[in-house]
Amino acid sequence: MLLWNLEARDLTLRYTWKISRNASDVKTNLFVTVGDGRAQGRGEAAPNVRYGETPQLLREQFQTLQAQGLDQVATVEELQQLLQQREVLPALRFALESALVHYLCQKNNQTVPQFLGVQPVASAPTAYSYPIMDPGKIAAFTKEHGLHRFEYLKVKVNQESGLDMMAEVAKAAPQRLMVDANEAWQDPDALMRFFEGLRKFPIIMIEQPMPSALQEEYLYLKKHSPYDLFADESVTDHADWDLLQQQFHGVNMKLMKAGGYLNGLSILNKTRAVGLKTMIGCMMETSMGIWSALQLAHGVDLLDLDGMLIVKDEPFKLVREEAGRLYPVAQP
């Protein structure tokens, strides 16, 4: 019998994290531990209100799973069977599955890439994101956080200040830029006007500029966009792949949305199979979640795994960042 435990931690952020739909200074994440007294594994859940997730709801779902026989689970297959019987949100599913995988790997003296059948990475570059802020503060923010060390940067934007922010970022930093609107636009023609204003900047891609529900608008946008469009909110733990390849040029897979290593790997493989570019992103996570994302990073086109760098006093130190690259240090 395995012993499962769930604990919550309040994570204070280095600064206000603002995107087009909300802002926060503290995030509450949940951490699953599973073990048998000899081996142990840990996993992280970063609840996201965009997908109906709250710490309290995930805690209640964990308690229900315990009552339904979670302590009898010994394999990933058994865990999947249990999760199929109950409504369990993706962030908690990922925490449970990753904790069990880490436990099994420690128990069997196996690495996570070996368990998953993927190539390991010794290190990988990550983007670093600017939250939405007063454009006049961008130069000081860039200097304070040493953002010149990153290979590429990501800018969170909204309709009101997006172009002003992009202009200030381009002045402050010479790197190539990713633009993330978090569904801020409704009108594709207004968005095309925004794209026209970006032509002077070194843009890599645009991430989810309109709500995922605007399917026809995305079909139109892809035909006219001068930039690669990457799906984020349009891909959760499932996707309409025939539609996606007509709407986007790439997919941002996040393990917290995918609900587990196995489904995350499946999403990456399906993305490649339909001819789209791959990206791995993150929520506001500690190095525990970021470590897991790095296990799938081999051959991925873009990585945006800066969540742990925004957490003040990051508690686990499982990943080290140096010169804009991430190095896995120890298994959760």
Protein backbone atom coordinates (compact mmCIF):
# COMPACT_ATOMS: atom_id res chain seq x y z
CA MET A 1 0.00 0.00 0.00
CA LEU A 2 1.28 3.44 -0.95
CA LEU A 3 0.89 6.53 1.22
CA TRP A 4 -0.37 9.61 -0.65
CA ASN A 5 -0.28 13.14 0.73
CA LEU A 6 -1.30 16.58 -0.53
CA GLU A 7 -0.09 19.91 0.83
CA ALA A 8 -0.63 23.50 -0.29
CA ARG A 9 2.03 26.20 -0.46
CA ASP A 10 1.56 29.91 -0.98
CA LEU A 11 4.19 31.11 -3.44
CA THR A 12 5.05 34.79 -3.24
CA LEU A 13 6.04 36.22 -6.62
CA ARG A 14 8.92 38.58 -7.27
CA TYR A 15 6.54 41.13 -8.75
CA THR A 16 2.92 41.49 -9.81
CA TRP A 17 2.20 38.97 -12.54
CA LYS A 18 -0.30 40.61 -14.88
CA ILE A 19 -1.72 39.17 -18.09
CA SER A 20 -4.69 40.31 -20.16
CA ARG A 21 -7.30 38.62 -17.94
CA ASN A 22 -5.95 38.88 -14.37
CA ALA A 23 -3.10 39.83 -12.06
CA SER A 24 -1.61 38.25 -8.94
CA ASP A 25 1.16 38.63 -6.37
CA VAL A 26 0.80 35.20 -4.72
CA LYS A 27 -0.04 31.81 -6.19
CA THR A 28 -1.20 28.79 -4.21
CA ASN A 29 0.07 25.50 -5.64
CA LEU A 30 -0.51 21.96 -4.40
CA PHE A 31 2.14 19.28 -3.98
CA VAL A 32 1.50 15.54 -4.04
CA THR A 33 3.84 13.08 -2.34
CA VAL A 34 3.59 9.30 -2.73
CA GLY A 35 5.85 6.68 -1.19
CA ASP A 36 6.23 3.37 0.55
CA GLY A 37 8.72 4.32 3.28
CA ARG A 38 11.70 3.46 1.09
CA ALA A 39 11.12 5.34 -2.18
CA GLN A 40 9.19 8.55 -2.73
CA GLY A 41 7.98 10.72 -5.59
CA ARG A 42 6.58 14.24 -5.72
CA GLY A 43 4.43 16.17 -8.19
CA GLU A 44 3.09 19.71 -8.49
CA ALA A 45 -0.34 21.10 -9.36
CA ALA A 46 -0.60 24.76 -10.38
CA PRO A 47 -4.35 25.51 -10.47
CA ASN A 48 -5.48 27.92 -13.19
CA VAL A 49 -8.82 29.74 -12.97
CA ARG A 50 -9.02 29.89 -16.79
CA TYR A 51 -9.76 26.15 -16.66
CA GLY A 52 -12.00 26.22 -13.58
CA GLU A 53 -9.25 25.12 -11.20
CA THR A 54 -8.87 26.39 -7.63
CA PRO A 55 -6.74 25.04 -4.78
CA GLN A 56 -9.85 24.18 -2.77
CA LEU A 57 -11.49 22.27 -5.62
CA LEU A 58 -8.33 20.26 -6.29
CA ARG A 59 -8.03 19.49 -2.58
CA GLU A 60 -11.61 18.21 -2.53
CA GLN A 61 -10.98 16.05 -5.59
CA PHE A 62 -7.89 14.57 -3.95
CA GLN A 63 -9.87 13.70 -0.83
CA THR A 64 -12.51 12.00 -3.01
CA LEU A 65 -9.81 9.94 -4.72
CA GLN A 66 -8.47 8.87 -1.35
CA ALA A 67 -11.94 7.68 -0.38
CA GLN A 68 -12.19 5.82 -3.70
CA GLY A 69 -9.02 3.76 -3.15
CA LEU A 70 -6.08 5.93 -4.20
CA ASP A 71 -3.86 4.12 -1.66
CA GLN A 72 -4.44 0.86 -3.57
CA VAL A 73 -2.92 2.29 -6.77
CA ALA A 74 0.51 0.83 -7.58
CA THR A 75 0.95 1.46 -11.32
CA VAL A 76 0.32 4.29 -13.77
CA GLU A 77 -2.30 2.12 -15.49
CA GLU A 78 -4.18 1.67 -12.22
CA LEU A 79 -4.01 5.40 -11.56
CA GLN A 80 -5.44 6.16 -15.00
CA GLN A 81 -8.29 3.73 -14.39
CA LEU A 82 -9.13 5.45 -11.11
CA LEU A 83 -8.95 8.92 -12.67
CA GLN A 84 -11.30 7.86 -15.46
CA GLN A 85 -13.95 7.01 -12.87
CA ARG A 86 -13.98 10.49 -11.31
CA GLU A 87 -13.93 14.06 -12.57
CA VAL A 88 -10.40 15.18 -11.79
CA LEU A 89 -9.04 18.43 -13.19
CA PRO A 90 -5.86 18.32 -15.31
CA ALA A 91 -3.47 20.08 -12.89
CA LEU A 92 -4.24 17.53 -10.16
CA ARG A 93 -4.06 14.64 -12.63
CA PHE A 94 -0.59 15.80 -13.60
CA ALA A 95 0.54 16.11 -9.98
CA LEU A 96 -0.69 12.59 -9.21
CA GLU A 97 0.75 10.96 -12.31
CA SER A 98 4.11 12.71 -12.09
CA ALA A 99 4.47 11.87 -8.39
CA LEU A 100 3.76 8.21 -9.13
CA VAL A 101 6.16 8.15 -12.08
CA HIS A 102 8.89 9.73 -9.95
CA TYR A 103 8.24 7.18 -7.18
CA LEU A 104 8.39 4.24 -9.60
CA CYS A 105 11.59 5.56 -11.18
CA GLN A 106 13.26 5.93 -7.80
CA LYS A 107 12.05 2.50 -6.72
CA ASN A 108 13.31 0.82 -9.91
CA ASN A 109 16.50 2.85 -10.29
CA GLN A 110 15.27 4.28 -13.57
CA THR A 111 15.32 7.79 -15.06
CA VAL A 112 12.12 9.54 -16.07
CA PRO A 113 13.21 9.75 -19.75
CA GLN A 114 13.84 5.99 -19.66
CA PHE A 115 10.38 5.42 -18.19
CA LEU A 116 8.75 7.63 -20.84
CA GLY A 117 10.92 6.41 -23.72
CA VAL A 118 12.25 9.86 -24.64
CA GLN A 119 15.68 11.39 -25.13
CA PRO A 120 16.97 13.27 -22.05
CA VAL A 121 18.29 16.83 -22.21
CA ALA A 122 21.24 18.10 -20.18
CA SER A 123 20.06 21.69 -20.52
CA ALA A 124 17.69 23.81 -22.57
CA PRO A 125 17.08 27.54 -23.18
CA THR A 126 13.96 29.22 -21.90
CA ALA A 127 12.16 32.41 -22.74
CA TYR A 128 11.56 34.93 -19.98
CA SER A 129 8.25 36.80 -19.92
CA TYR A 130 7.45 40.45 -19.32
CA PRO A 131 4.12 40.81 -17.52
CA ILE A 132 1.83 43.62 -18.64
CA MET A 133 3.20 46.80 -17.08
CA ASP A 134 3.58 50.53 -17.60
CA PRO A 135 5.77 50.72 -20.74
CA GLY A 136 7.89 53.37 -19.02
CA LYS A 137 9.05 50.77 -16.49
CA ILE A 138 10.32 48.22 -19.02
CA ALA A 139 13.91 49.46 -19.29
CA ALA A 140 14.39 49.33 -15.52
CA PHE A 141 12.64 45.93 -15.32
CA THR A 142 14.95 44.54 -18.03
CA LYS A 143 18.04 45.71 -16.19
CA GLU A 144 16.84 44.66 -12.73
CA HIS A 145 16.15 41.09 -13.82
CA GLY A 146 19.13 40.73 -16.15
CA LEU A 147 17.02 39.77 -19.14
CA HIS A 148 19.80 40.13 -21.69
CA ARG A 149 20.98 36.66 -20.70
CA PHE A 150 17.99 34.92 -22.31
CA GLU A 151 18.03 33.72 -25.90
CA TYR A 152 14.54 35.05 -26.54
CA LEU A 153 11.96 37.00 -24.57
CA LYS A 154 8.19 36.84 -24.31
CA VAL A 155 5.91 39.83 -23.87
CA LYS A 156 2.43 39.65 -22.37
CA VAL A 157 0.21 42.19 -24.09
CA ASN A 158 -3.30 43.59 -24.15
CA GLN A 159 -5.05 45.84 -26.68
CA GLU A 160 -4.53 49.03 -24.69
CA SER A 161 -0.74 49.10 -24.31
CA GLY A 162 0.53 46.23 -26.45
CA LEU A 163 2.37 48.22 -29.12
CA ASP A 164 3.84 50.64 -26.58
CA MET A 165 5.15 47.72 -24.53
CA MET A 166 6.65 46.06 -27.60
CA ALA A 167 8.42 49.29 -28.59
CA GLU A 168 9.96 49.69 -25.14
CA VAL A 169 11.02 46.04 -24.94
CA ALA A 170 12.69 46.32 -28.36
CA LYS A 171 14.60 49.37 -27.13
CA ALA A 172 15.67 47.67 -23.90
CA ALA A 173 16.62 44.24 -25.27
CA PRO A 174 17.98 43.09 -28.65
CA GLN A 175 16.59 39.54 -28.56
CA ARG A 176 13.91 37.96 -30.70
CA LEU A 177 10.44 38.33 -29.19
CA MET A 178 7.40 36.15 -28.58
CA VAL A 179 4.06 37.91 -28.14
CA ASP A 180 1.40 36.42 -25.85
CA ALA A 181 -2.02 38.05 -25.82
CA ASN A 182 -3.86 35.46 -23.67
CA GLU A 183 -7.03 35.80 -25.79
CA ALA A 184 -7.12 39.61 -25.50
CA TRP A 185 -8.51 40.36 -28.99
CA GLN A 186 -11.97 39.56 -30.33
CA ASP A 187 -11.74 41.05 -33.83
CA PRO A 188 -9.23 39.54 -36.30
CA ASP A 189 -9.10 42.76 -38.35
CA ALA A 190 -8.15 44.76 -35.26
CA LEU A 191 -5.54 42.13 -34.56
CA MET A 192 -4.13 42.47 -38.09
CA ARG A 193 -3.71 46.19 -37.44
CA PHE A 194 -1.77 45.30 -34.29
CA PHE A 195 0.39 42.92 -36.37
CA GLU A 196 1.16 45.78 -38.78
CA GLY A 197 2.54 47.74 -35.85
CA LEU A 198 4.83 44.83 -34.97
CA ARG A 199 6.64 44.69 -38.33
CA LYS A 200 9.60 46.73 -37.08
CA PHE A 201 10.29 44.24 -34.26
CA PRO A 202 12.05 40.80 -34.37
CA ILE A 203 8.93 38.69 -33.77
CA ILE A 204 9.21 34.89 -33.49
CA MET A 205 5.53 34.09 -32.99
CA ILE A 206 2.16 35.19 -31.65
CA GLU A 207 0.52 33.07 -28.94
CA GLN A 208 -3.28 32.67 -28.66
CA PRO A 209 -4.32 36.25 -29.52
CA MET A 210 -8.08 35.52 -29.57
CA PRO A 211 -10.39 33.34 -27.43
CA SER A 212 -10.32 29.66 -28.32
CA ALA A 213 -14.05 29.73 -29.09
CA LEU A 214 -13.50 31.98 -32.14
CA GLN A 215 -12.91 29.10 -34.52
CA GLU A 216 -13.85 30.79 -37.81
CA GLU A 217 -11.90 33.90 -36.88
CA TYR A 218 -8.76 31.79 -36.41
CA LEU A 219 -9.25 30.20 -39.84
CA TYR A 220 -9.28 33.71 -41.31
CA LEU A 221 -6.37 34.90 -39.18
CA LYS A 222 -4.00 32.10 -40.15
CA LYS A 223 -4.52 32.86 -43.85
CA HIS A 224 -3.54 36.51 -43.33
CA SER A 225 -1.09 36.55 -40.42
CA PRO A 226 2.52 37.46 -41.23
CA TYR A 227 3.59 35.61 -38.08
CA ASP A 228 3.39 32.06 -36.80
CA LEU A 229 0.36 31.59 -34.55
CA PHE A 230 0.69 29.21 -31.59
CA ALA A 231 -2.26 27.65 -29.79
CA ASP A 232 -2.29 27.75 -26.01
CA GLU A 233 -5.80 27.93 -24.57
CA SER A 234 -7.10 26.11 -27.67
CA VAL A 235 -5.27 22.94 -26.52
CA THR A 236 -5.96 21.56 -23.06
CA ASP A 237 -5.88 17.80 -22.40
CA HIS A 238 -7.47 17.28 -25.82
CA ALA A 239 -7.77 19.10 -29.14
CA ASP A 240 -9.45 19.02 -32.52
CA TRP A 241 -6.33 18.32 -34.55
CA ASP A 242 -7.92 18.70 -37.98
CA LEU A 243 -9.16 22.14 -36.99
CA LEU A 244 -5.95 23.15 -35.20
CA GLN A 245 -3.75 22.64 -38.24
CA GLN A 246 -6.01 25.03 -40.17
CA GLN A 247 -5.93 27.64 -37.40
CA PHE A 248 -2.36 27.62 -36.08
CA HIS A 249 1.27 27.05 -37.00
CA GLY A 250 2.25 25.57 -33.62
CA VAL A 251 1.02 24.29 -30.26
CA ASN A 252 2.08 25.23 -26.74
CA MET A 253 1.78 22.09 -24.62
CA LYS A 254 1.67 22.60 -20.85
CA LEU A 255 1.74 19.58 -18.57
CA MET A 256 -0.67 21.28 -16.18
CA LYS A 257 -3.21 21.44 -19.00
CA ALA A 258 -2.36 18.03 -20.47
CA GLY A 259 -2.97 16.26 -17.17
CA GLY A 260 0.13 14.09 -17.15
CA TYR A 261 3.43 13.11 -18.72
CA LEU A 262 1.83 10.50 -20.97
CA ASN A 263 -0.83 12.78 -22.43
CA GLY A 264 1.65 15.66 -22.68
CA LEU A 265 3.96 13.45 -24.72
CA SER A 266 1.00 12.36 -26.85
CA ILE A 267 0.09 16.00 -27.55
CA LEU A 268 3.65 16.78 -28.62
CA ASN A 269 3.71 13.75 -30.92
CA LYS A 270 0.32 14.62 -32.43
CA THR A 271 1.48 18.21 -32.95
CA ARG A 272 4.44 16.99 -34.97
CA ALA A 273 2.34 14.43 -36.82
CA VAL A 274 0.01 17.12 -38.22
CA GLY A 275 2.94 19.30 -39.25
CA LEU A 276 2.78 21.94 -36.53
CA LYS A 277 5.65 23.40 -34.52
CA THR A 278 6.11 22.41 -30.88
CA MET A 279 6.43 24.45 -27.72
CA ILE A 280 6.40 23.61 -24.03
CA GLY A 281 5.14 26.24 -21.62
CA CYS A 282 4.27 26.42 -17.95
CA MET A 283 1.97 28.00 -15.40
CA MET A 284 3.34 29.79 -12.34
CA GLU A 285 5.27 26.77 -11.06
CA THR A 286 8.20 25.87 -8.84
CA SER A 287 11.21 23.96 -10.10
CA MET A 288 9.26 20.76 -9.43
CA GLY A 289 6.89 21.38 -12.33
CA ILE A 290 9.61 22.90 -14.50
CA TRP A 291 11.83 19.83 -13.94
CA SER A 292 9.04 17.68 -15.32
CA ALA A 293 8.62 19.87 -18.40
CA LEU A 294 12.34 19.59 -19.13
CA GLN A 295 12.03 15.81 -19.35
CA LEU A 296 10.02 16.26 -22.58
CA ALA A 297 12.11 19.10 -24.04
CA HIS A 298 14.20 17.10 -26.53
CA GLY A 299 13.49 18.28 -30.07
CA VAL A 300 10.93 20.91 -29.03
CA ASP A 301 11.06 24.13 -31.07
CA LEU A 302 10.41 26.68 -28.29
CA LEU A 303 10.49 26.54 -24.49
CA ASP A 304 8.82 29.00 -22.13
CA LEU A 305 9.65 27.59 -18.70
CA ASP A 306 10.30 30.68 -16.61
CA GLY A 307 7.62 30.13 -13.94
CA MET A 308 10.10 29.11 -11.27
CA LEU A 309 12.18 32.24 -11.94
CA ILE A 310 9.23 34.45 -11.01
CA VAL A 311 8.66 32.68 -7.68
CA LYS A 312 10.40 34.47 -4.83
CA ASP A 313 12.48 32.11 -2.65
CA GLU A 314 11.75 29.10 -4.90
CA PRO A 315 11.63 26.21 -2.42
CA PHE A 316 12.93 23.08 -4.17
CA LYS A 317 16.00 24.01 -6.27
CA LEU A 318 15.47 21.05 -8.62
CA VAL A 319 16.43 23.11 -11.66
CA ARG A 320 19.27 25.61 -12.03
CA GLU A 321 19.19 28.55 -14.43
CA GLU A 322 22.43 29.91 -15.82
CA ALA A 323 22.85 32.31 -18.75
CA GLY A 324 19.24 31.76 -19.78
CA ARG A 325 19.51 27.96 -19.85
CA LEU A 326 17.82 25.50 -17.49
CA TYR A 327 19.72 22.55 -16.00
CA PRO A 328 17.84 19.74 -14.20
CA VAL A 329 19.64 19.11 -10.90
CA ALA A 330 17.69 16.50 -8.90
CA GLN A 331 14.57 14.42 -9.45
CA PRO A 332 11.43 15.35 -7.47
